[in-house]
Amino acid sequence: MAERPEDLNLPNAVITRIIKEALPDGVNISKEARSAISRAASVFVLYATSCANNFAMKGKRKTLNAGDVLSAMEEMEFQRFVAPLKESLEVYRREQKGKKEARKDKDKKADSEEQDKSREEDNDDDDERMEDEEQNDEEEVDN
């Protein structure tokens, strides 16, 4: 666990960026307000994590999963966020699946190219052996 309470806070740069994205242009936020939002966000994340951990423990698991977080959101009475979170999760999973498939395709292509290169080298070796054999045959005929 964290040694100091400040270690549990979210990074200020991330909080500042999220706040700026949420506010319209030309609206400023004081340092105190940014600090309060940062603390509130950190407390929310810790509370959500604790609730999700309870669901994982009920399932006799040590690893939190997305279902635990969604269940925790409902238990915390944040039902209105569950549907958007599920949508975001599906988008994330599709992206990850696409990346995984692209990686597999890339690996297959690399393997295929490697096999082609290996075959070419084998063919070159075979050609050299045949040339050597032909030379040996010619020398035997000459002798």
Protein backbone atom coordinates (compact mmCIF):
# COMPACT_ATOMS: atom_id res chain seq x y z
CA MET A 1 0.00 0.00 0.00
CA ALA A 2 1.04 3.64 -0.19
CA GLU A 3 3.43 5.04 2.35
CA ARG A 4 1.85 8.51 2.36
CA PRO A 5 -1.72 9.66 1.64
CA GLU A 6 -0.40 11.83 -1.23
CA ASP A 7 0.81 8.67 -2.99
CA LEU A 8 -2.82 7.71 -3.52
CA ASN A 9 -3.63 10.85 -5.51
CA LEU A 10 -4.02 10.75 -9.25
CA PRO A 11 -1.36 12.60 -11.29
CA ASN A 12 -2.04 16.35 -11.40
CA ALA A 13 -1.25 16.56 -15.11
CA VAL A 14 -3.94 13.98 -15.90
CA ILE A 15 -6.50 15.72 -13.68
CA THR A 16 -5.70 19.09 -15.25
CA ARG A 17 -6.07 17.71 -18.78
CA ILE A 18 -9.43 16.07 -17.96
CA ILE A 19 -10.70 19.28 -16.37
CA LYS A 20 -9.62 21.37 -19.37
CA GLU A 21 -11.35 18.93 -21.75
CA ALA A 22 -14.56 19.08 -19.68
CA LEU A 23 -14.73 22.88 -19.42
CA PRO A 24 -15.58 25.23 -22.28
CA ASP A 25 -12.83 27.42 -23.74
CA GLY A 26 -12.04 30.51 -21.74
CA VAL A 27 -13.10 29.03 -18.39
CA ASN A 28 -10.35 28.87 -15.81
CA ILE A 29 -10.16 26.83 -12.63
CA SER A 30 -8.36 27.81 -9.46
CA LYS A 31 -5.56 25.76 -8.00
CA GLU A 32 -7.69 24.98 -4.94
CA ALA A 33 -10.59 23.74 -7.08
CA ARG A 34 -8.23 21.56 -9.14
CA SER A 35 -6.80 20.13 -5.92
CA ALA A 36 -10.28 19.42 -4.56
CA ILE A 37 -11.30 17.67 -7.78
CA SER A 38 -8.09 15.65 -7.68
CA ARG A 39 -8.75 14.52 -4.11
CA ALA A 40 -12.39 13.70 -4.90
CA ALA A 41 -11.36 11.68 -7.97
CA SER A 42 -8.77 9.78 -5.94
CA VAL A 43 -11.31 8.98 -3.22
CA PHE A 44 -13.82 7.84 -5.85
CA VAL A 45 -11.26 5.55 -7.50
CA LEU A 46 -10.28 4.06 -4.13
CA TYR A 47 -13.91 3.51 -3.15
CA ALA A 48 -14.78 1.96 -6.53
CA THR A 49 -11.72 -0.28 -6.27
CA SER A 50 -12.69 -1.38 -2.76
CA CYS A 51 -16.25 -2.21 -3.87
CA ALA A 52 -14.99 -4.08 -6.94
CA ASN A 53 -12.54 -5.97 -4.74
CA ASN A 54 -15.46 -7.11 -2.57
CA PHE A 55 -17.11 -8.63 -5.65
CA ALA A 56 -13.87 -10.36 -6.60
CA MET A 57 -13.51 -11.75 -3.08
CA LYS A 58 -17.11 -13.03 -3.18
CA GLY A 59 -16.13 -14.83 -6.38
CA LYS A 60 -13.06 -16.22 -4.59
CA ARG A 61 -10.72 -14.41 -6.98
CA LYS A 62 -7.75 -12.17 -6.37
CA THR A 63 -7.96 -10.38 -9.71
CA LEU A 64 -10.52 -7.65 -10.35
CA ASN A 65 -12.25 -7.84 -13.70
CA ALA A 66 -14.54 -5.53 -15.66
CA GLY A 67 -17.64 -7.26 -14.32
CA ASP A 68 -16.52 -6.51 -10.77
CA VAL A 69 -16.14 -2.83 -11.60
CA LEU A 70 -19.55 -2.69 -13.30
CA SER A 71 -21.17 -4.42 -10.32
CA ALA A 72 -19.42 -1.99 -7.98
CA MET A 73 -20.76 0.96 -9.96
CA GLU A 74 -24.29 -0.38 -9.55
CA GLU A 75 -23.76 -0.99 -5.84
CA MET A 76 -22.44 2.56 -5.46
CA GLU A 77 -25.67 3.75 -7.12
CA PHE A 78 -23.96 4.95 -10.31
CA GLN A 79 -26.26 2.93 -12.59
CA ARG A 80 -26.37 5.69 -15.17
CA PHE A 81 -22.66 5.12 -15.85
CA VAL A 82 -22.94 1.37 -16.32
CA ALA A 83 -24.25 1.48 -19.92
CA PRO A 84 -21.61 3.96 -21.16
CA LEU A 85 -18.92 1.95 -19.38
CA LYS A 86 -20.11 -1.26 -21.05
CA GLU A 87 -20.02 0.47 -24.44
CA SER A 88 -16.51 1.75 -23.79
CA LEU A 89 -15.45 -1.71 -22.68
CA GLU A 90 -16.80 -3.26 -25.89
CA VAL A 91 -14.97 -0.67 -28.01
CA TYR A 92 -11.77 -1.35 -26.07
CA ARG A 93 -12.15 -5.12 -26.51
CA ARG A 94 -12.76 -4.75 -30.26
CA GLU A 95 -9.67 -2.55 -30.57
CA GLN A 96 -7.58 -5.05 -28.64
CA LYS A 97 -8.91 -7.92 -30.73
CA GLY A 98 -8.08 -6.00 -33.91
CA LYS A 99 -4.58 -5.29 -32.66
CA LYS A 100 -4.10 -8.93 -31.69
CA GLU A 101 -5.26 -10.12 -35.12
CA ALA A 102 -3.04 -7.58 -36.86
CA ARG A 103 -0.10 -8.81 -34.78
CA LYS A 104 -0.91 -12.43 -35.70
CA ASP A 105 -1.14 -11.50 -39.38
CA LYS A 106 2.18 -9.68 -39.14
CA ASP A 107 3.78 -12.67 -37.41
CA LYS A 108 2.37 -15.07 -40.00
CA LYS A 109 3.67 -12.85 -42.80
CA ALA A 110 7.10 -12.67 -41.16
CA ASP A 111 7.13 -16.46 -40.69
CA SER A 112 6.08 -16.95 -44.30
CA GLU A 113 8.80 -14.61 -45.54
CA GLU A 114 11.33 -16.38 -43.31
CA GLN A 115 10.28 -19.75 -44.71
CA ASP A 116 10.50 -18.42 -48.27
CA LYS A 117 13.97 -17.06 -47.55
CA SER A 118 14.98 -20.39 -46.02
CA ARG A 119 13.66 -22.24 -49.07
CA GLU A 120 15.60 -19.91 -51.36
CA GLU A 121 18.76 -20.59 -49.37
CA ASP A 122 18.09 -24.32 -49.53
CA ASN A 123 17.56 -24.04 -53.29
CA ASP A 124 20.81 -22.10 -53.62
CA ASP A 125 22.59 -24.80 -51.63
CA ASP A 126 21.05 -27.47 -53.87
CA ASP A 127 22.14 -25.56 -56.98
CA GLU A 128 25.70 -25.33 -55.65
CA ARG A 129 25.75 -29.06 -54.88
CA MET A 130 24.49 -29.88 -58.36
CA GLU A 131 27.15 -27.66 -59.93
CA ASP A 132 29.82 -29.33 -57.80
CA GLU A 133 28.54 -32.76 -58.80
CA GLU A 134 28.51 -31.77 -62.48
CA GLN A 135 32.10 -30.55 -62.21
CA ASN A 136 33.12 -33.78 -60.48
CA ASP A 137 31.36 -35.79 -63.20
CA GLU A 138 33.15 -33.80 -65.92
CA GLU A 139 36.52 -34.30 -64.21
CA GLU A 140 35.88 -38.04 -63.96
CA VAL A 141 34.98 -38.17 -67.66
CA ASP A 142 38.14 -36.24 -68.56
CA ASN A 143 40.26 -38.63 -66.56
